[in-house]
């Protein structure tokens, strides 16, 4: 490449001169963000809207909203992992006198991040994992709860808005049984550290 070389002498622009020889000037310019060539850890906080989905009839009903926190680790390549915990903040009305909402939800995922541009500042997300979900139901004033676990997976998109800050939107399905799932659309602010 262009630059000063101990063997060949001066050959033009010295973009690599500082880093390759340990000097404090002539540093190379790299358009990729700081995390592109090495791994990083991150945390996020977001707000989600939840729906109860009948997978047989392709029908769904709102079951309120939740707050979701995540912690994750990303390798220097496409692959990483994350855990999440959600707490319901509102319920949805399924019918007259019947309300349903998430009490809490915890999950762990493997995550693939696929860059959409050269600088890797826009990335698609594919994730798959396992969840445990507790829902609360109120029927004619009588409260009950139900615990389910199963497969979870979804897609998303994230945008870097600062060197360590990202906005993220994702859609995830949490399977409850053979014909029922919870679908969540979550928007989050994510910080790398």
C-alpha atoms as a PDB file:
ATOM      1  CA  UNK A   1       0.000   0.000   0.000  1.00  0.00           C
ATOM      2  CA  UNK A   2       1.009   3.641  -0.281  1.00  0.00           C
ATOM      3  CA  UNK A   3       3.187   5.001   2.508  1.00  0.00           C
ATOM      4  CA  UNK A   4       6.694   4.920   3.890  1.00  0.00           C
ATOM      5  CA  UNK A   5       8.207   1.468   4.016  1.00  0.00           C
ATOM      6  CA  UNK A   6      11.545   0.598   5.641  1.00  0.00           C
ATOM      7  CA  UNK A   7      12.478  -1.489   2.607  1.00  0.00           C
ATOM      8  CA  UNK A   8      11.032   0.390  -0.344  1.00  0.00           C
ATOM      9  CA  UNK A   9      11.189   3.994   0.873  1.00  0.00           C
ATOM     10  CA  UNK A  10       8.615   6.741   0.448  1.00  0.00           C
ATOM     11  CA  UNK A  11       5.781   5.771  -1.867  1.00  0.00           C
ATOM     12  CA  UNK A  12       3.092   8.427  -1.445  1.00  0.00           C
ATOM     13  CA  UNK A  13       0.442   9.031   1.191  1.00  0.00           C
ATOM     14  CA  UNK A  14       1.467   7.808   4.599  1.00  0.00           C
ATOM     15  CA  UNK A  15      -1.939   6.770   5.933  1.00  0.00           C
ATOM     16  CA  UNK A  16      -0.533   3.710   7.689  1.00  0.00           C
ATOM     17  CA  UNK A  17       2.686   5.292   8.891  1.00  0.00           C
ATOM     18  CA  UNK A  18       1.775   5.975  12.504  1.00  0.00           C
ATOM     19  CA  UNK A  19      -0.028   2.743  13.469  1.00  0.00           C
ATOM     20  CA  UNK A  20       2.433   0.454  11.648  1.00  0.00           C
ATOM     21  CA  UNK A  21       5.501   2.069  13.264  1.00  0.00           C
ATOM     22  CA  UNK A  22       4.044   3.089  16.611  1.00  0.00           C
ATOM     23  CA  UNK A  23       4.398   6.862  16.078  1.00  0.00           C
ATOM     24  CA  UNK A  24       1.878   9.439  17.201  1.00  0.00           C
ATOM     25  CA  UNK A  25       1.183  11.028  13.805  1.00  0.00           C
ATOM     26  CA  UNK A  26      -0.034   9.933  10.385  1.00  0.00           C
ATOM     27  CA  UNK A  27      -2.831   7.757  11.802  1.00  0.00           C
ATOM     28  CA  UNK A  28      -4.893   5.860   9.255  1.00  0.00           C
ATOM     29  CA  UNK A  29      -8.482   6.778   8.538  1.00  0.00           C
ATOM     30  CA  UNK A  30     -10.948   3.916   8.905  1.00  0.00           C
ATOM     31  CA  UNK A  31     -14.628   4.622   8.151  1.00  0.00           C
ATOM     32  CA  UNK A  32     -15.804   1.623  10.191  1.00  0.00           C
ATOM     33  CA  UNK A  33     -17.074   2.311  13.733  1.00  0.00           C
ATOM     34  CA  UNK A  34     -14.832   1.326  16.600  1.00  0.00           C
ATOM     35  CA  UNK A  35     -16.622  -1.969  17.215  1.00  0.00           C
ATOM     36  CA  UNK A  36     -16.481  -3.265  13.625  1.00  0.00           C
ATOM     37  CA  UNK A  37     -13.285  -5.295  13.983  1.00  0.00           C
ATOM     38  CA  UNK A  38     -13.608  -6.424  17.600  1.00  0.00           C
ATOM     39  CA  UNK A  39     -16.304  -7.570  19.939  1.00  0.00           C
ATOM     40  CA  UNK A  40     -18.246  -5.465  22.422  1.00  0.00           C
ATOM     41  CA  UNK A  41     -20.808  -5.674  25.206  1.00  0.00           C
ATOM     42  CA  UNK A  42     -24.048  -3.709  25.314  1.00  0.00           C
ATOM     43  CA  UNK A  43     -27.141  -2.949  27.323  1.00  0.00           C
ATOM     44  CA  UNK A  44     -30.496  -1.557  26.259  1.00  0.00           C
ATOM     45  CA  UNK A  45     -33.819  -0.345  27.605  1.00  0.00           C
ATOM     46  CA  UNK A  46     -36.974  -0.310  25.519  1.00  0.00           C
ATOM     47  CA  UNK A  47     -40.746  -0.159  25.343  1.00  0.00           C
ATOM     48  CA  UNK A  48     -42.818  -2.844  23.644  1.00  0.00           C
ATOM     49  CA  UNK A  49     -46.378  -3.412  22.434  1.00  0.00           C
ATOM     50  CA  UNK A  50     -47.650  -6.975  22.827  1.00  0.00           C
ATOM     51  CA  UNK A  51     -50.291  -9.004  21.025  1.00  0.00           C
ATOM     52  CA  UNK A  52     -51.746 -12.459  21.619  1.00  0.00           C
ATOM     53  CA  UNK A  53     -51.559 -14.297  18.286  1.00  0.00           C
ATOM     54  CA  UNK A  54     -53.712 -17.228  17.189  1.00  0.00           C
ATOM     55  CA  UNK A  55     -51.362 -18.924  14.729  1.00  0.00           C
ATOM     56  CA  UNK A  56     -54.121 -21.132  13.299  1.00  0.00           C
ATOM     57  CA  UNK A  57     -56.457 -18.251  12.375  1.00  0.00           C
ATOM     58  CA  UNK A  58     -53.724 -15.606  11.890  1.00  0.00           C
ATOM     59  CA  UNK A  59     -55.687 -13.410  14.288  1.00  0.00           C
ATOM     60  CA  UNK A  60     -54.286 -11.255  17.097  1.00  0.00           C
ATOM     61  CA  UNK A  61     -55.450  -9.051  19.962  1.00  0.00           C
ATOM     62  CA  UNK A  62     -53.612  -6.465  22.036  1.00  0.00           C
ATOM     63  CA  UNK A  63     -52.460  -7.579  25.478  1.00  0.00           C
ATOM     64  CA  UNK A  64     -50.910  -4.306  26.545  1.00  0.00           C
ATOM     65  CA  UNK A  65     -47.339  -3.097  26.814  1.00  0.00           C
ATOM     66  CA  UNK A  66     -44.098  -3.830  28.621  1.00  0.00           C
ATOM     67  CA  UNK A  67     -40.651  -2.433  29.427  1.00  0.00           C
ATOM     68  CA  UNK A  68     -37.719  -4.568  28.232  1.00  0.00           C
ATOM     69  CA  UNK A  69     -34.071  -4.540  29.381  1.00  0.00           C
ATOM     70  CA  UNK A  70     -31.319  -6.444  27.572  1.00  0.00           C
ATOM     71  CA  UNK A  71     -27.661  -7.301  28.115  1.00  0.00           C
ATOM     72  CA  UNK A  72     -25.579  -8.784  25.321  1.00  0.00           C
ATOM     73  CA  UNK A  73     -22.184  -9.568  23.922  1.00  0.00           C
ATOM     74  CA  UNK A  74     -21.199  -9.368  20.254  1.00  0.00           C
ATOM     75  CA  UNK A  75     -18.197 -11.077  18.685  1.00  0.00           C
ATOM     76  CA  UNK A  76     -15.990  -9.423  16.093  1.00  0.00           C
ATOM     77  CA  UNK A  77     -17.998 -11.214  13.392  1.00  0.00           C
ATOM     78  CA  UNK A  78     -21.764 -11.450  12.840  1.00  0.00           C
ATOM     79  CA  UNK A  79     -22.614 -13.555  15.881  1.00  0.00           C
ATOM     80  CA  UNK A  80     -23.477 -12.756  19.483  1.00  0.00           C
ATOM     81  CA  UNK A  81     -25.834 -13.547  22.363  1.00  0.00           C
ATOM     82  CA  UNK A  82     -28.160 -11.618  24.637  1.00  0.00           C
ATOM     83  CA  UNK A  83     -30.508 -12.028  27.571  1.00  0.00           C
ATOM     84  CA  UNK A  84     -33.640  -9.987  28.146  1.00  0.00           C
ATOM     85  CA  UNK A  85     -36.179  -9.352  30.891  1.00  0.00           C
ATOM     86  CA  UNK A  86     -39.555  -7.682  30.421  1.00  0.00           C
ATOM     87  CA  UNK A  87     -42.116  -6.369  32.890  1.00  0.00           C
ATOM     88  CA  UNK A  88     -45.692  -5.677  31.859  1.00  0.00           C
ATOM     89  CA  UNK A  89     -46.953  -2.134  32.433  1.00  0.00           C
ATOM     90  CA  UNK A  90     -50.482  -2.425  30.992  1.00  0.00           C
ATOM     91  CA  UNK A  91     -53.020  -5.094  30.003  1.00  0.00           C
ATOM     92  CA  UNK A  92     -55.267  -5.508  26.999  1.00  0.00           C
ATOM     93  CA  UNK A  93     -59.005  -6.176  26.910  1.00  0.00           C
ATOM     94  CA  UNK A  94     -59.779  -9.447  25.129  1.00  0.00           C
ATOM     95  CA  UNK A  95     -63.532  -9.243  25.691  1.00  0.00           C
ATOM     96  CA  UNK A  96     -66.051  -7.662  28.045  1.00  0.00           C
ATOM     97  CA  UNK A  97     -64.820  -8.339  31.568  1.00  0.00           C
ATOM     98  CA  UNK A  98     -61.648 -10.135  30.416  1.00  0.00           C
ATOM     99  CA  UNK A  99     -58.187  -8.535  30.512  1.00  0.00           C
ATOM    100  CA  UNK A 100     -54.839 -10.186  29.758  1.00  0.00           C
ATOM    101  CA  UNK A 101     -51.287  -8.933  30.018  1.00  0.00           C
ATOM    102  CA  UNK A 102     -47.689  -9.949  30.610  1.00  0.00           C
ATOM    103  CA  UNK A 103     -46.590 -10.068  34.234  1.00  0.00           C
ATOM    104  CA  UNK A 104     -42.949 -10.823  33.404  1.00  0.00           C
ATOM    105  CA  UNK A 105     -40.894 -12.457  30.688  1.00  0.00           C
ATOM    106  CA  UNK A 106     -37.266 -13.625  30.557  1.00  0.00           C
ATOM    107  CA  UNK A 107     -35.436 -14.978  27.511  1.00  0.00           C
ATOM    108  CA  UNK A 108     -32.012 -15.793  26.078  1.00  0.00           C
ATOM    109  CA  UNK A 109     -31.088 -15.511  22.404  1.00  0.00           C
ATOM    110  CA  UNK A 110     -28.371 -16.171  19.914  1.00  0.00           C
ATOM    111  CA  UNK A 111     -28.111 -13.099  17.664  1.00  0.00           C
ATOM    112  CA  UNK A 112     -26.755 -12.549  14.156  1.00  0.00           C
ATOM    113  CA  UNK A 113     -26.029  -8.952  13.087  1.00  0.00           C
ATOM    114  CA  UNK A 114     -25.878  -8.441   9.318  1.00  0.00           C
ATOM    115  CA  UNK A 115     -24.372  -5.115   8.147  1.00  0.00           C
ATOM    116  CA  UNK A 116     -26.353  -3.264   5.469  1.00  0.00           C
ATOM    117  CA  UNK A 117     -23.733  -0.642   4.584  1.00  0.00           C
ATOM    118  CA  UNK A 118     -19.958  -0.373   4.310  1.00  0.00           C
ATOM    119  CA  UNK A 119     -19.510   1.408   7.633  1.00  0.00           C
ATOM    120  CA  UNK A 120     -21.701  -1.208   9.387  1.00  0.00           C
ATOM    121  CA  UNK A 121     -23.688   1.561  11.059  1.00  0.00           C
ATOM    122  CA  UNK A 122     -27.003  -0.009   9.908  1.00  0.00           C
ATOM    123  CA  UNK A 123     -27.499  -3.678  10.731  1.00  0.00           C
ATOM    124  CA  UNK A 124     -30.219  -6.254  10.394  1.00  0.00           C
ATOM    125  CA  UNK A 125     -30.884  -8.587  13.325  1.00  0.00           C
ATOM    126  CA  UNK A 126     -31.882 -12.233  13.341  1.00  0.00           C
ATOM    127  CA  UNK A 127     -32.302 -13.871  16.730  1.00  0.00           C
ATOM    128  CA  UNK A 128     -33.537 -17.189  18.089  1.00  0.00           C
ATOM    129  CA  UNK A 129     -33.733 -18.555  21.613  1.00  0.00           C
ATOM    130  CA  UNK A 130     -35.917 -19.680  24.522  1.00  0.00           C
ATOM    131  CA  UNK A 131     -38.296 -17.810  26.822  1.00  0.00           C
ATOM    132  CA  UNK A 132     -40.318 -18.134  30.014  1.00  0.00           C
ATOM    133  CA  UNK A 133     -43.426 -15.950  30.235  1.00  0.00           C
ATOM    134  CA  UNK A 134     -45.956 -15.367  33.009  1.00  0.00           C
ATOM    135  CA  UNK A 135     -49.277 -13.790  32.004  1.00  0.00           C
ATOM    136  CA  UNK A 136     -51.995 -12.377  34.264  1.00  0.00           C
ATOM    137  CA  UNK A 137     -55.678 -12.692  33.399  1.00  0.00           C
ATOM    138  CA  UNK A 138     -58.655 -10.965  34.989  1.00  0.00           C
ATOM    139  CA  UNK A 139     -62.054 -12.457  34.169  1.00  0.00           C
ATOM    140  CA  UNK A 140     -65.116 -10.834  35.731  1.00  0.00           C
ATOM    141  CA  UNK A 141     -62.985  -9.588  38.622  1.00  0.00           C
ATOM    142  CA  UNK A 142     -61.270 -12.944  39.263  1.00  0.00           C
ATOM    143  CA  UNK A 143     -57.493 -12.929  38.753  1.00  0.00           C
ATOM    144  CA  UNK A 144     -55.388 -15.872  37.576  1.00  0.00           C
ATOM    145  CA  UNK A 145     -51.929 -16.414  36.114  1.00  0.00           C
ATOM    146  CA  UNK A 146     -50.287 -18.799  33.669  1.00  0.00           C
ATOM    147  CA  UNK A 147     -46.629 -19.731  33.109  1.00  0.00           C
ATOM    148  CA  UNK A 148     -45.417 -20.900  29.689  1.00  0.00           C
ATOM    149  CA  UNK A 149     -42.051 -21.433  28.054  1.00  0.00           C
ATOM    150  CA  UNK A 150     -40.877 -22.274  24.558  1.00  0.00           C
ATOM    151  CA  UNK A 151     -39.128 -21.099  21.421  1.00  0.00           C
ATOM    152  CA  UNK A 152     -38.683 -17.405  20.697  1.00  0.00           C
ATOM    153  CA  UNK A 153     -37.361 -15.746  17.561  1.00  0.00           C
ATOM    154  CA  UNK A 154     -37.568 -12.623  15.471  1.00  0.00           C
ATOM    155  CA  UNK A 155     -36.075  -9.955  13.241  1.00  0.00           C
ATOM    156  CA  UNK A 156     -34.950  -6.390  13.795  1.00  0.00           C
ATOM    157  CA  UNK A 157     -33.000  -3.376  12.622  1.00  0.00           C
ATOM    158  CA  UNK A 158     -30.537  -1.143  14.456  1.00  0.00           C
ATOM    159  CA  UNK A 159     -28.935   2.216  13.569  1.00  0.00           C
ATOM    160  CA  UNK A 160     -25.837   3.768  15.132  1.00  0.00           C
ATOM    161  CA  UNK A 161     -26.619   7.342  16.180  1.00  0.00           C
ATOM    162  CA  UNK A 162     -23.308   8.005  18.009  1.00  0.00           C
ATOM    163  CA  UNK A 163     -20.033   6.084  18.491  1.00  0.00           C
ATOM    164  CA  UNK A 164     -21.513   4.078  21.380  1.00  0.00           C
ATOM    165  CA  UNK A 165     -25.261   4.628  20.968  1.00  0.00           C
ATOM    166  CA  UNK A 166     -27.773   2.711  18.857  1.00  0.00           C
ATOM    167  CA  UNK A 167     -31.501   2.853  18.197  1.00  0.00           C
ATOM    168  CA  UNK A 168     -33.088  -0.557  17.705  1.00  0.00           C
ATOM    169  CA  UNK A 169     -36.500  -1.818  16.585  1.00  0.00           C
ATOM    170  CA  UNK A 170     -37.364  -5.516  16.587  1.00  0.00           C
ATOM    171  CA  UNK A 171     -40.299  -7.872  16.271  1.00  0.00           C
ATOM    172  CA  UNK A 172     -40.254 -11.133  18.258  1.00  0.00           C
ATOM    173  CA  UNK A 173     -42.589 -14.100  18.567  1.00  0.00           C
ATOM    174  CA  UNK A 174     -42.750 -16.042  21.851  1.00  0.00           C
ATOM    175  CA  UNK A 175     -44.425 -19.434  21.367  1.00  0.00           C
ATOM    176  CA  UNK A 176     -46.845 -20.389  24.181  1.00  0.00           C
ATOM    177  CA  UNK A 177     -48.297 -23.616  22.726  1.00  0.00           C
ATOM    178  CA  UNK A 178     -49.082 -25.240  19.382  1.00  0.00           C
ATOM    179  CA  UNK A 179     -51.490 -22.514  18.227  1.00  0.00           C
ATOM    180  CA  UNK A 180     -50.794 -19.472  20.417  1.00  0.00           C
ATOM    181  CA  UNK A 181     -47.893 -17.049  20.664  1.00  0.00           C
ATOM    182  CA  UNK A 182     -47.137 -13.572  21.941  1.00  0.00           C
ATOM    183  CA  UNK A 183     -45.900 -11.109  19.347  1.00  0.00           C
ATOM    184  CA  UNK A 184     -43.940  -8.102  20.600  1.00  0.00           C
ATOM    185  CA  UNK A 185     -42.690  -5.035  18.731  1.00  0.00           C
ATOM    186  CA  UNK A 186     -40.056  -3.229  20.804  1.00  0.00           C
ATOM    187  CA  UNK A 187     -38.163   0.038  20.317  1.00  0.00           C
ATOM    188  CA  UNK A 188     -34.972   0.403  22.370  1.00  0.00           C
ATOM    189  CA  UNK A 189     -32.047   2.670  23.100  1.00  0.00           C
ATOM    190  CA  UNK A 190     -28.833   0.650  23.215  1.00  0.00           C
ATOM    191  CA  UNK A 191     -25.436   1.596  24.686  1.00  0.00           C
ATOM    192  CA  UNK A 192     -22.159  -0.206  23.935  1.00  0.00           C
ATOM    193  CA  UNK A 193     -19.482  -0.523  26.599  1.00  0.00           C
END
